[in-house]
N, C-alpha and C. Protein backbone atom coordinates (compact mmCIF):
# COMPACT_ATOMS: atom_id res chain seq x y z
N ASN A 1 -17.10 -61.02 219.02
CA ASN A 1 -18.48 -60.72 219.36
C ASN A 1 -19.25 -60.46 218.06
N SER A 2 -20.24 -61.27 217.80
CA SER A 2 -20.99 -61.18 216.54
C SER A 2 -21.85 -59.91 216.48
N GLN A 3 -22.33 -59.45 217.62
CA GLN A 3 -23.13 -58.22 217.62
C GLN A 3 -22.28 -57.01 217.26
N ALA A 4 -21.06 -56.97 217.74
CA ALA A 4 -20.16 -55.86 217.43
C ALA A 4 -19.80 -55.88 215.95
N GLN A 5 -19.55 -57.06 215.38
CA GLN A 5 -19.25 -57.18 213.96
C GLN A 5 -20.45 -56.74 213.11
N PHE A 6 -21.62 -57.16 213.54
CA PHE A 6 -22.84 -56.78 212.81
C PHE A 6 -23.03 -55.27 212.86
N PHE A 7 -22.79 -54.68 214.04
CA PHE A 7 -22.91 -53.23 214.19
C PHE A 7 -21.90 -52.51 213.30
N GLU A 8 -20.65 -53.00 213.24
CA GLU A 8 -19.62 -52.41 212.39
C GLU A 8 -20.02 -52.50 210.91
N LEU A 9 -20.61 -53.62 210.52
CA LEU A 9 -21.07 -53.79 209.14
C LEU A 9 -22.16 -52.77 208.81
N ILE A 10 -23.07 -52.57 209.73
CA ILE A 10 -24.13 -51.58 209.53
C ILE A 10 -23.53 -50.18 209.40
N ILE A 11 -22.59 -49.85 210.28
CA ILE A 11 -21.93 -48.53 210.24
C ILE A 11 -21.25 -48.33 208.89
N GLU A 12 -20.53 -49.33 208.40
CA GLU A 12 -19.84 -49.23 207.10
C GLU A 12 -20.83 -48.98 205.97
N LYS A 13 -21.93 -49.72 205.97
CA LYS A 13 -22.93 -49.56 204.90
C LYS A 13 -23.58 -48.18 204.97
N VAL A 14 -23.85 -47.70 206.16
CA VAL A 14 -24.43 -46.37 206.32
C VAL A 14 -23.45 -45.31 205.80
N LYS A 15 -22.16 -45.47 206.12
CA LYS A 15 -21.15 -44.53 205.62
C LYS A 15 -21.12 -44.52 204.09
N GLU A 16 -21.19 -45.70 203.48
CA GLU A 16 -21.20 -45.79 202.02
C GLU A 16 -22.41 -45.07 201.43
N ILE A 17 -23.55 -45.28 202.04
CA ILE A 17 -24.78 -44.63 201.55
C ILE A 17 -24.67 -43.12 201.69
N VAL A 18 -24.19 -42.66 202.83
CA VAL A 18 -24.05 -41.22 203.06
C VAL A 18 -23.05 -40.63 202.07
N ASP A 19 -21.92 -41.30 201.86
CA ASP A 19 -20.93 -40.82 200.90
C ASP A 19 -21.53 -40.73 199.49
N GLN A 20 -22.28 -41.75 199.10
CA GLN A 20 -22.89 -41.74 197.77
C GLN A 20 -23.91 -40.60 197.65
N GLU A 21 -24.69 -40.39 198.67
CA GLU A 21 -25.67 -39.29 198.64
C GLU A 21 -24.96 -37.94 198.58
N PHE A 22 -23.88 -37.81 199.33
CA PHE A 22 -23.13 -36.56 199.31
C PHE A 22 -22.50 -36.34 197.94
N ARG A 23 -21.96 -37.41 197.35
CA ARG A 23 -21.37 -37.32 196.01
C ARG A 23 -22.44 -36.91 195.00
N ASN A 24 -23.61 -37.52 195.09
CA ASN A 24 -24.71 -37.17 194.18
C ASN A 24 -25.13 -35.71 194.36
N PHE A 25 -25.19 -35.27 195.60
CA PHE A 25 -25.54 -33.88 195.87
C PHE A 25 -24.51 -32.94 195.25
N THR A 26 -23.23 -33.28 195.42
CA THR A 26 -22.16 -32.46 194.86
C THR A 26 -22.25 -32.42 193.34
N LEU A 27 -22.46 -33.57 192.71
CA LEU A 27 -22.57 -33.61 191.25
C LEU A 27 -23.77 -32.81 190.76
N ASN A 28 -24.88 -32.91 191.45
CA ASN A 28 -26.06 -32.12 191.07
C ASN A 28 -25.81 -30.63 191.21
N THR A 29 -25.11 -30.25 192.27
CA THR A 29 -24.77 -28.84 192.46
C THR A 29 -23.89 -28.34 191.32
N LEU A 30 -22.89 -29.14 190.94
CA LEU A 30 -22.00 -28.75 189.85
C LEU A 30 -22.75 -28.69 188.51
N LEU A 31 -23.66 -29.61 188.29
CA LEU A 31 -24.47 -29.57 187.06
C LEU A 31 -25.33 -28.31 187.03
N ASN A 32 -25.88 -27.94 188.16
CA ASN A 32 -26.66 -26.69 188.23
C ASN A 32 -25.76 -25.48 187.97
N ASP A 33 -24.53 -25.53 188.47
CA ASP A 33 -23.58 -24.45 188.20
C ASP A 33 -23.27 -24.36 186.70
N LEU A 34 -23.12 -25.50 186.04
CA LEU A 34 -22.89 -25.50 184.59
C LEU A 34 -24.08 -24.89 183.85
N ASP A 35 -25.28 -25.22 184.30
CA ASP A 35 -26.48 -24.63 183.69
C ASP A 35 -26.48 -23.12 183.86
N GLY A 36 -26.09 -22.65 185.04
CA GLY A 36 -26.01 -21.21 185.28
C GLY A 36 -24.99 -20.54 184.38
N MET A 37 -23.85 -21.21 184.17
CA MET A 37 -22.84 -20.67 183.26
C MET A 37 -23.40 -20.56 181.85
N GLN A 38 -24.10 -21.60 181.43
CA GLN A 38 -24.67 -21.60 180.08
C GLN A 38 -25.65 -20.44 179.92
N THR A 39 -26.45 -20.18 180.92
CA THR A 39 -27.42 -19.09 180.85
C THR A 39 -26.72 -17.74 180.70
N THR A 40 -25.68 -17.50 181.49
CA THR A 40 -24.98 -16.21 181.39
C THR A 40 -24.23 -16.09 180.07
N LEU A 41 -23.71 -17.20 179.56
CA LEU A 41 -23.04 -17.17 178.25
C LEU A 41 -24.04 -16.91 177.12
N GLU A 42 -25.22 -17.47 177.23
CA GLU A 42 -26.26 -17.21 176.23
C GLU A 42 -26.65 -15.73 176.25
N HIS A 43 -26.76 -15.17 177.44
CA HIS A 43 -27.10 -13.75 177.55
C HIS A 43 -26.01 -12.89 176.91
N PHE A 44 -24.75 -13.23 177.18
CA PHE A 44 -23.64 -12.51 176.57
C PHE A 44 -23.69 -12.63 175.05
N GLN A 45 -23.88 -13.85 174.55
CA GLN A 45 -23.94 -14.06 173.10
C GLN A 45 -25.10 -13.28 172.48
N ASN A 46 -26.24 -13.28 173.13
CA ASN A 46 -27.38 -12.52 172.61
C ASN A 46 -27.08 -11.03 172.56
N ASP A 47 -26.44 -10.51 173.59
CA ASP A 47 -26.09 -9.08 173.59
C ASP A 47 -25.11 -8.75 172.47
N VAL A 48 -24.17 -9.65 172.20
CA VAL A 48 -23.24 -9.43 171.08
C VAL A 48 -24.02 -9.43 169.76
N GLN A 49 -24.91 -10.38 169.57
CA GLN A 49 -25.67 -10.48 168.33
C GLN A 49 -26.57 -9.26 168.13
N ILE A 50 -27.19 -8.82 169.20
CA ILE A 50 -28.05 -7.63 169.12
C ILE A 50 -27.20 -6.40 168.81
N ALA A 51 -26.01 -6.32 169.40
CA ALA A 51 -25.13 -5.17 169.18
C ALA A 51 -24.74 -5.02 167.72
N ILE A 52 -24.62 -6.13 167.01
CA ILE A 52 -24.22 -6.05 165.59
C ILE A 52 -25.42 -6.27 164.67
N CYS A 53 -26.61 -6.02 165.18
CA CYS A 53 -27.86 -6.05 164.40
C CYS A 53 -28.17 -7.43 163.82
N GLN A 54 -27.85 -8.46 164.55
CA GLN A 54 -28.16 -9.81 164.09
C GLN A 54 -29.25 -10.48 164.91
N GLY A 55 -29.82 -9.77 165.84
CA GLY A 55 -30.90 -10.33 166.64
C GLY A 55 -30.38 -11.39 167.59
N GLU A 56 -31.30 -11.98 168.34
CA GLU A 56 -30.91 -13.00 169.30
C GLU A 56 -30.66 -14.32 168.60
N GLN A 57 -29.57 -14.97 168.94
CA GLN A 57 -29.20 -16.30 168.47
C GLN A 57 -29.50 -16.50 166.98
N PRO A 58 -28.75 -15.85 166.10
CA PRO A 58 -29.05 -15.96 164.68
C PRO A 58 -28.61 -17.27 164.05
N GLY A 59 -27.86 -18.07 164.74
CA GLY A 59 -27.33 -19.28 164.14
C GLY A 59 -25.88 -19.06 163.74
N LEU A 60 -25.37 -19.94 162.94
CA LEU A 60 -23.96 -19.88 162.59
C LEU A 60 -23.67 -18.95 161.43
N ILE A 61 -24.65 -18.69 160.59
CA ILE A 61 -24.44 -17.86 159.40
C ILE A 61 -25.18 -16.54 159.58
N LEU A 62 -24.48 -15.45 159.29
CA LEU A 62 -25.12 -14.14 159.39
C LEU A 62 -26.20 -14.00 158.33
N ASP A 63 -27.24 -13.33 158.68
CA ASP A 63 -28.35 -13.09 157.76
C ASP A 63 -27.89 -12.13 156.67
N GLU A 64 -27.96 -12.57 155.43
CA GLU A 64 -27.48 -11.74 154.32
C GLU A 64 -28.33 -10.49 154.12
N LYS A 65 -29.59 -10.53 154.54
CA LYS A 65 -30.47 -9.37 154.38
C LYS A 65 -30.11 -8.27 155.36
N HIS A 66 -29.50 -8.64 156.45
CA HIS A 66 -29.14 -7.68 157.49
C HIS A 66 -27.66 -7.84 157.83
N PRO A 67 -26.79 -7.18 157.08
CA PRO A 67 -25.37 -7.30 157.39
C PRO A 67 -25.07 -6.70 158.76
N PRO A 68 -23.97 -7.11 159.37
CA PRO A 68 -23.64 -6.56 160.69
C PRO A 68 -23.55 -5.04 160.66
N CYS A 69 -24.00 -4.44 161.74
CA CYS A 69 -23.95 -2.98 161.85
C CYS A 69 -22.96 -2.60 162.95
N THR A 70 -22.65 -1.33 163.00
CA THR A 70 -21.77 -0.82 164.05
C THR A 70 -22.58 -0.67 165.33
N PRO A 71 -22.09 -1.23 166.44
CA PRO A 71 -22.83 -1.14 167.70
C PRO A 71 -22.92 0.30 168.20
N THR A 72 -24.00 0.58 168.89
CA THR A 72 -24.15 1.88 169.55
C THR A 72 -23.41 1.84 170.88
N LYS A 73 -23.30 2.99 171.52
CA LYS A 73 -22.65 3.03 172.84
C LYS A 73 -23.42 2.15 173.83
N ASN A 74 -24.74 2.22 173.79
CA ASN A 74 -25.54 1.39 174.70
C ASN A 74 -25.28 -0.09 174.47
N HIS A 75 -25.14 -0.48 173.20
CA HIS A 75 -24.85 -1.88 172.90
C HIS A 75 -23.49 -2.28 173.45
N LEU A 76 -22.50 -1.41 173.27
CA LEU A 76 -21.16 -1.71 173.78
C LEU A 76 -21.18 -1.88 175.30
N VAL A 77 -21.90 -1.00 175.97
CA VAL A 77 -22.00 -1.07 177.42
C VAL A 77 -22.72 -2.36 177.83
N SER A 78 -23.77 -2.71 177.10
CA SER A 78 -24.52 -3.92 177.40
C SER A 78 -23.65 -5.17 177.23
N VAL A 79 -22.87 -5.22 176.16
CA VAL A 79 -21.97 -6.36 175.95
C VAL A 79 -20.93 -6.42 177.07
N LYS A 80 -20.39 -5.27 177.44
CA LYS A 80 -19.39 -5.23 178.51
C LYS A 80 -19.99 -5.74 179.83
N GLU A 81 -21.19 -5.29 180.15
CA GLU A 81 -21.84 -5.73 181.39
C GLU A 81 -22.17 -7.22 181.34
N SER A 82 -22.62 -7.70 180.20
CA SER A 82 -22.91 -9.14 180.06
C SER A 82 -21.64 -9.96 180.25
N PHE A 83 -20.55 -9.46 179.69
CA PHE A 83 -19.26 -10.14 179.86
C PHE A 83 -18.88 -10.17 181.34
N LYS A 84 -18.98 -9.03 182.01
CA LYS A 84 -18.62 -8.97 183.43
C LYS A 84 -19.48 -9.94 184.25
N ASN A 85 -20.78 -9.95 183.98
CA ASN A 85 -21.68 -10.84 184.72
C ASN A 85 -21.34 -12.31 184.47
N ALA A 86 -21.09 -12.66 183.22
CA ALA A 86 -20.75 -14.04 182.89
C ALA A 86 -19.42 -14.42 183.52
N ARG A 87 -18.45 -13.52 183.44
CA ARG A 87 -17.13 -13.80 184.02
C ARG A 87 -17.24 -14.00 185.53
N THR A 88 -17.98 -13.14 186.20
CA THR A 88 -18.16 -13.27 187.65
C THR A 88 -18.85 -14.58 187.98
N SER A 89 -19.90 -14.90 187.23
CA SER A 89 -20.63 -16.15 187.45
C SER A 89 -19.71 -17.36 187.33
N ILE A 90 -18.92 -17.39 186.28
CA ILE A 90 -18.03 -18.53 186.04
C ILE A 90 -16.91 -18.58 187.07
N GLU A 91 -16.28 -17.45 187.32
CA GLU A 91 -15.14 -17.44 188.24
C GLU A 91 -15.53 -17.70 189.68
N THR A 92 -16.80 -17.46 190.01
CA THR A 92 -17.28 -17.76 191.36
C THR A 92 -17.39 -19.26 191.59
N VAL A 93 -17.85 -20.00 190.59
CA VAL A 93 -18.07 -21.43 190.77
C VAL A 93 -16.92 -22.31 190.28
N LEU A 94 -16.02 -21.76 189.48
CA LEU A 94 -14.93 -22.57 188.92
C LEU A 94 -14.10 -23.29 189.99
N PRO A 95 -13.76 -22.66 191.11
CA PRO A 95 -12.99 -23.38 192.13
C PRO A 95 -13.71 -24.62 192.68
N HIS A 96 -15.04 -24.60 192.69
CA HIS A 96 -15.79 -25.75 193.18
C HIS A 96 -15.62 -26.95 192.24
N PHE A 97 -15.44 -26.68 190.96
CA PHE A 97 -15.22 -27.76 190.01
C PHE A 97 -13.82 -28.34 190.18
N LYS A 98 -12.86 -27.49 190.49
CA LYS A 98 -11.48 -27.94 190.62
C LYS A 98 -11.31 -28.86 191.82
N ASN A 99 -11.93 -28.51 192.93
CA ASN A 99 -11.81 -29.32 194.14
C ASN A 99 -13.13 -29.30 194.90
N PRO A 100 -14.10 -30.10 194.46
CA PRO A 100 -15.43 -30.05 195.07
C PRO A 100 -15.51 -30.66 196.46
N MET A 101 -14.50 -31.42 196.86
CA MET A 101 -14.59 -32.14 198.12
C MET A 101 -13.56 -31.67 199.14
N THR A 102 -13.38 -30.38 199.25
CA THR A 102 -12.35 -29.87 200.17
C THR A 102 -12.63 -30.25 201.62
N ASN A 103 -13.89 -30.47 201.96
CA ASN A 103 -14.22 -30.79 203.35
C ASN A 103 -14.11 -32.27 203.67
N ASN A 104 -14.02 -33.13 202.67
CA ASN A 104 -13.94 -34.56 202.91
C ASN A 104 -12.50 -35.00 202.67
N LYS A 105 -11.86 -35.51 203.69
CA LYS A 105 -10.44 -35.87 203.60
C LYS A 105 -10.22 -37.36 203.30
N THR A 106 -11.28 -38.10 202.99
CA THR A 106 -11.15 -39.51 202.69
C THR A 106 -10.55 -39.69 201.29
N PRO A 107 -9.36 -40.29 201.17
CA PRO A 107 -8.71 -40.40 199.86
C PRO A 107 -9.55 -41.12 198.81
N ASP A 108 -10.18 -42.24 199.18
CA ASP A 108 -10.99 -42.98 198.20
C ASP A 108 -12.18 -42.15 197.75
N PHE A 109 -12.81 -41.48 198.69
CA PHE A 109 -13.97 -40.65 198.35
C PHE A 109 -13.56 -39.54 197.40
N ASN A 110 -12.45 -38.88 197.71
CA ASN A 110 -11.97 -37.79 196.86
C ASN A 110 -11.58 -38.27 195.48
N SER A 111 -10.85 -39.38 195.39
CA SER A 111 -10.42 -39.86 194.07
C SER A 111 -11.61 -40.29 193.23
N ASP A 112 -12.59 -40.95 193.83
CA ASP A 112 -13.79 -41.34 193.08
C ASP A 112 -14.55 -40.11 192.59
N THR A 113 -14.65 -39.12 193.44
CA THR A 113 -15.39 -37.91 193.08
C THR A 113 -14.66 -37.12 192.00
N VAL A 114 -13.35 -37.02 192.10
CA VAL A 114 -12.57 -36.29 191.10
C VAL A 114 -12.70 -36.95 189.73
N LEU A 115 -12.75 -38.26 189.69
CA LEU A 115 -12.95 -38.95 188.41
C LEU A 115 -14.26 -38.53 187.76
N LEU A 116 -15.26 -38.24 188.56
CA LEU A 116 -16.56 -37.81 188.03
C LEU A 116 -16.58 -36.32 187.70
N THR A 117 -15.86 -35.53 188.49
CA THR A 117 -15.95 -34.08 188.31
C THR A 117 -14.89 -33.49 187.39
N LEU A 118 -13.83 -34.22 187.09
CA LEU A 118 -12.79 -33.69 186.22
C LEU A 118 -13.32 -33.29 184.84
N PRO A 119 -14.15 -34.11 184.20
CA PRO A 119 -14.72 -33.66 182.91
C PRO A 119 -15.58 -32.41 183.06
N MET A 120 -16.25 -32.28 184.19
CA MET A 120 -17.07 -31.09 184.43
C MET A 120 -16.18 -29.87 184.60
N TYR A 121 -15.05 -30.04 185.30
CA TYR A 121 -14.10 -28.94 185.47
C TYR A 121 -13.55 -28.51 184.11
N THR A 122 -13.22 -29.49 183.28
CA THR A 122 -12.71 -29.19 181.94
C THR A 122 -13.74 -28.40 181.14
N THR A 123 -14.99 -28.79 181.22
CA THR A 123 -16.06 -28.07 180.53
C THR A 123 -16.18 -26.65 181.05
N ALA A 124 -16.18 -26.49 182.37
CA ALA A 124 -16.31 -25.16 182.96
C ALA A 124 -15.14 -24.26 182.58
N ALA A 125 -13.93 -24.80 182.61
CA ALA A 125 -12.75 -24.01 182.23
C ALA A 125 -12.81 -23.63 180.76
N THR A 126 -13.28 -24.55 179.92
CA THR A 126 -13.42 -24.26 178.49
C THR A 126 -14.45 -23.17 178.25
N LEU A 127 -15.56 -23.22 178.97
CA LEU A 127 -16.57 -22.16 178.84
C LEU A 127 -15.99 -20.81 179.24
N ASN A 128 -15.17 -20.80 180.27
CA ASN A 128 -14.52 -19.56 180.69
C ASN A 128 -13.61 -19.02 179.59
N LEU A 129 -12.85 -19.90 178.97
CA LEU A 129 -11.97 -19.48 177.87
C LEU A 129 -12.77 -18.99 176.66
N ILE A 130 -13.86 -19.68 176.35
CA ILE A 130 -14.71 -19.27 175.22
C ILE A 130 -15.30 -17.89 175.47
N LEU A 131 -15.72 -17.64 176.70
CA LEU A 131 -16.26 -16.32 177.04
C LEU A 131 -15.21 -15.24 176.79
N HIS A 132 -14.01 -15.44 177.30
CA HIS A 132 -12.95 -14.44 177.12
C HIS A 132 -12.59 -14.28 175.65
N GLN A 133 -12.52 -15.38 174.92
CA GLN A 133 -12.21 -15.31 173.50
C GLN A 133 -13.27 -14.50 172.76
N GLY A 134 -14.54 -14.77 173.05
CA GLY A 134 -15.63 -14.04 172.39
C GLY A 134 -15.58 -12.55 172.68
N TYR A 135 -15.30 -12.20 173.92
CA TYR A 135 -15.24 -10.78 174.27
C TYR A 135 -14.04 -10.11 173.62
N ILE A 136 -12.90 -10.78 173.63
CA ILE A 136 -11.71 -10.21 173.00
C ILE A 136 -11.95 -10.00 171.51
N GLN A 137 -12.57 -10.97 170.84
CA GLN A 137 -12.85 -10.82 169.41
C GLN A 137 -13.81 -9.65 169.16
N PHE A 138 -14.81 -9.52 170.01
CA PHE A 138 -15.76 -8.42 169.86
C PHE A 138 -15.06 -7.08 170.04
N VAL A 139 -14.27 -6.97 171.09
CA VAL A 139 -13.57 -5.71 171.38
C VAL A 139 -12.57 -5.39 170.27
N GLU A 140 -11.85 -6.40 169.81
CA GLU A 140 -10.89 -6.17 168.72
C GLU A 140 -11.61 -5.66 167.47
N ARG A 141 -12.75 -6.21 167.18
CA ARG A 141 -13.49 -5.82 165.98
C ARG A 141 -14.04 -4.41 166.09
N TRP A 142 -14.46 -4.01 167.27
CA TRP A 142 -15.15 -2.72 167.42
C TRP A 142 -14.36 -1.71 168.24
N LYS A 143 -13.07 -1.94 168.47
CA LYS A 143 -12.28 -1.01 169.28
C LYS A 143 -12.10 0.35 168.60
N SER A 144 -12.24 0.39 167.29
CA SER A 144 -12.08 1.67 166.59
C SER A 144 -13.28 2.59 166.81
N VAL A 145 -14.38 2.02 167.28
CA VAL A 145 -15.57 2.82 167.56
C VAL A 145 -15.36 3.49 168.91
N ASP A 146 -15.23 4.82 168.90
CA ASP A 146 -14.93 5.54 170.13
C ASP A 146 -16.20 6.15 170.69
N TYR A 147 -16.68 5.58 171.76
CA TYR A 147 -17.87 6.11 172.44
C TYR A 147 -17.50 6.45 173.87
N ASP A 148 -16.52 7.27 174.02
CA ASP A 148 -16.05 7.65 175.36
C ASP A 148 -15.65 6.43 176.17
N GLU A 149 -14.87 5.58 175.55
CA GLU A 149 -14.33 4.39 176.20
C GLU A 149 -15.41 3.50 176.80
N ALA A 150 -16.38 3.11 175.99
CA ALA A 150 -17.43 2.21 176.46
C ALA A 150 -16.85 0.87 176.92
N PHE A 151 -15.72 0.49 176.34
CA PHE A 151 -15.09 -0.77 176.75
C PHE A 151 -14.29 -0.51 177.99
């Protein structure tokens, strides 16, 4: 029956379009999540720079006119809170990068999507590691400063 074949062809094409739109939606959501991670990491970095008297985003080289200073208790608390916020932000969305298509059981759809999202997952996981590395380095450097256990 030619009408049934034509109808099946239409159904297949509609499924392809819907899958592509869903994939695009998923990718856009993950890109927005990466942007959110970047924002919280920038806030953390700014708090670290302010804590050591380097101002916001000083660049790669410390300003020779203003050598790093010892952070105050408020600065230590601010860095700790920024770290917690960034960590929560990243750890909340990281599972979505690992398996963004848990609701779609179509093998082809999942494999195609994973090929697109795997680099994004790698980036998100790397940002998470960089955040922890930065906080550990900060704490190691300033752990001798005792402000009633600000850390």
